[in-house]
């Protein structure tokens, strides 16, 4: 898109899909509802990492599940 003068379309950020993030961090960065991430994990669609009081999720798993959900 930069080549066509539309550099505003290109995001500089390349997400680390292996990053472990909390649901609120993912929600803030990618526009998800934090409770959706928790509900997806509760339903068995996402593996939970971290502790019970501070669960974390692999970013790539969350993004992949969200993309599959929209199909």
C-alpha atoms as a PDB file:
ATOM      1  CA  UNK A   1       0.000   0.000   0.000  1.00  0.00           C
ATOM      2  CA  UNK A   2       2.957   2.319   0.585  1.00  0.00           C
ATOM      3  CA  UNK A   3       3.812   1.981  -3.099  1.00  0.00           C
ATOM      4  CA  UNK A   4       0.361   3.332  -3.965  1.00  0.00           C
ATOM      5  CA  UNK A   5       0.546   6.275  -1.560  1.00  0.00           C
ATOM      6  CA  UNK A   6      -1.675   4.687   1.058  1.00  0.00           C
ATOM      7  CA  UNK A   7       0.878   4.188   3.814  1.00  0.00           C
ATOM      8  CA  UNK A   8      -1.765   4.903   6.459  1.00  0.00           C
ATOM      9  CA  UNK A   9      -3.231   1.435   5.704  1.00  0.00           C
ATOM     10  CA  UNK A  10      -0.017  -0.375   6.636  1.00  0.00           C
ATOM     11  CA  UNK A  11       0.510  -1.133  10.295  1.00  0.00           C
ATOM     12  CA  UNK A  12       4.061  -0.870  11.568  1.00  0.00           C
ATOM     13  CA  UNK A  13       3.286  -3.462  14.219  1.00  0.00           C
ATOM     14  CA  UNK A  14       3.952  -7.120  13.530  1.00  0.00           C
ATOM     15  CA  UNK A  15       2.445  -9.041  16.440  1.00  0.00           C
ATOM     16  CA  UNK A  16       4.473 -11.737  18.152  1.00  0.00           C
ATOM     17  CA  UNK A  17       2.016 -14.615  17.868  1.00  0.00           C
ATOM     18  CA  UNK A  18       3.907 -16.550  20.549  1.00  0.00           C
ATOM     19  CA  UNK A  19       3.539 -13.765  23.098  1.00  0.00           C
ATOM     20  CA  UNK A  20       1.623 -14.590  26.264  1.00  0.00           C
ATOM     21  CA  UNK A  21      -0.719 -11.745  27.141  1.00  0.00           C
ATOM     22  CA  UNK A  22      -3.554 -11.168  29.568  1.00  0.00           C
ATOM     23  CA  UNK A  23      -7.094 -10.827  28.255  1.00  0.00           C
ATOM     24  CA  UNK A  24      -7.192  -7.068  29.036  1.00  0.00           C
ATOM     25  CA  UNK A  25      -3.894  -6.543  27.174  1.00  0.00           C
ATOM     26  CA  UNK A  26      -5.236  -8.408  24.135  1.00  0.00           C
ATOM     27  CA  UNK A  27      -8.540  -6.532  24.331  1.00  0.00           C
ATOM     28  CA  UNK A  28      -6.810  -3.159  24.431  1.00  0.00           C
ATOM     29  CA  UNK A  29      -4.360  -3.939  21.635  1.00  0.00           C
ATOM     30  CA  UNK A  30      -6.678  -5.781  19.230  1.00  0.00           C
ATOM     31  CA  UNK A  31     -10.167  -4.521  20.016  1.00  0.00           C
ATOM     32  CA  UNK A  32     -11.557  -7.666  21.631  1.00  0.00           C
ATOM     33  CA  UNK A  33     -13.716  -7.738  24.715  1.00  0.00           C
ATOM     34  CA  UNK A  34     -11.598  -9.167  27.548  1.00  0.00           C
ATOM     35  CA  UNK A  35     -14.541 -11.278  28.740  1.00  0.00           C
ATOM     36  CA  UNK A  36     -14.812 -12.874  25.296  1.00  0.00           C
ATOM     37  CA  UNK A  37     -11.246 -14.166  25.634  1.00  0.00           C
ATOM     38  CA  UNK A  38     -12.034 -15.577  29.091  1.00  0.00           C
ATOM     39  CA  UNK A  39     -15.266 -17.149  27.809  1.00  0.00           C
ATOM     40  CA  UNK A  40     -13.474 -18.757  24.858  1.00  0.00           C
ATOM     41  CA  UNK A  41     -10.965 -20.279  27.289  1.00  0.00           C
ATOM     42  CA  UNK A  42     -13.749 -21.465  29.604  1.00  0.00           C
ATOM     43  CA  UNK A  43     -15.421 -23.149  26.626  1.00  0.00           C
ATOM     44  CA  UNK A  44     -12.186 -25.025  25.912  1.00  0.00           C
ATOM     45  CA  UNK A  45     -11.261 -23.117  22.752  1.00  0.00           C
ATOM     46  CA  UNK A  46      -8.097 -21.510  24.161  1.00  0.00           C
ATOM     47  CA  UNK A  47      -5.338 -22.871  26.369  1.00  0.00           C
ATOM     48  CA  UNK A  48      -4.769 -20.828  29.503  1.00  0.00           C
ATOM     49  CA  UNK A  49      -1.259 -20.077  30.760  1.00  0.00           C
ATOM     50  CA  UNK A  50      -0.083 -18.197  33.831  1.00  0.00           C
ATOM     51  CA  UNK A  51      -1.841 -18.440  37.161  1.00  0.00           C
ATOM     52  CA  UNK A  52      -5.482 -18.601  38.202  1.00  0.00           C
ATOM     53  CA  UNK A  53      -5.322 -15.007  39.394  1.00  0.00           C
ATOM     54  CA  UNK A  54      -3.451 -13.765  36.302  1.00  0.00           C
ATOM     55  CA  UNK A  55      -4.293 -15.979  33.333  1.00  0.00           C
ATOM     56  CA  UNK A  56      -2.510 -15.374  30.079  1.00  0.00           C
ATOM     57  CA  UNK A  57      -3.213 -16.560  26.569  1.00  0.00           C
ATOM     58  CA  UNK A  58      -1.015 -17.159  23.520  1.00  0.00           C
ATOM     59  CA  UNK A  59      -1.774 -14.277  21.164  1.00  0.00           C
ATOM     60  CA  UNK A  60      -1.661 -16.456  18.047  1.00  0.00           C
ATOM     61  CA  UNK A  61      -4.287 -18.801  19.505  1.00  0.00           C
ATOM     62  CA  UNK A  62      -6.627 -15.906  20.286  1.00  0.00           C
ATOM     63  CA  UNK A  63      -6.227 -14.336  16.842  1.00  0.00           C
ATOM     64  CA  UNK A  64      -6.669 -17.690  15.072  1.00  0.00           C
ATOM     65  CA  UNK A  65      -9.783 -18.566  17.066  1.00  0.00           C
ATOM     66  CA  UNK A  66     -11.276 -15.130  16.461  1.00  0.00           C
ATOM     67  CA  UNK A  67     -10.618 -15.459  12.703  1.00  0.00           C
ATOM     68  CA  UNK A  68     -12.211 -18.938  12.603  1.00  0.00           C
ATOM     69  CA  UNK A  69     -15.206 -17.703  14.555  1.00  0.00           C
ATOM     70  CA  UNK A  70     -15.945 -15.095  11.885  1.00  0.00           C
ATOM     71  CA  UNK A  71     -16.130 -17.684   9.067  1.00  0.00           C
END
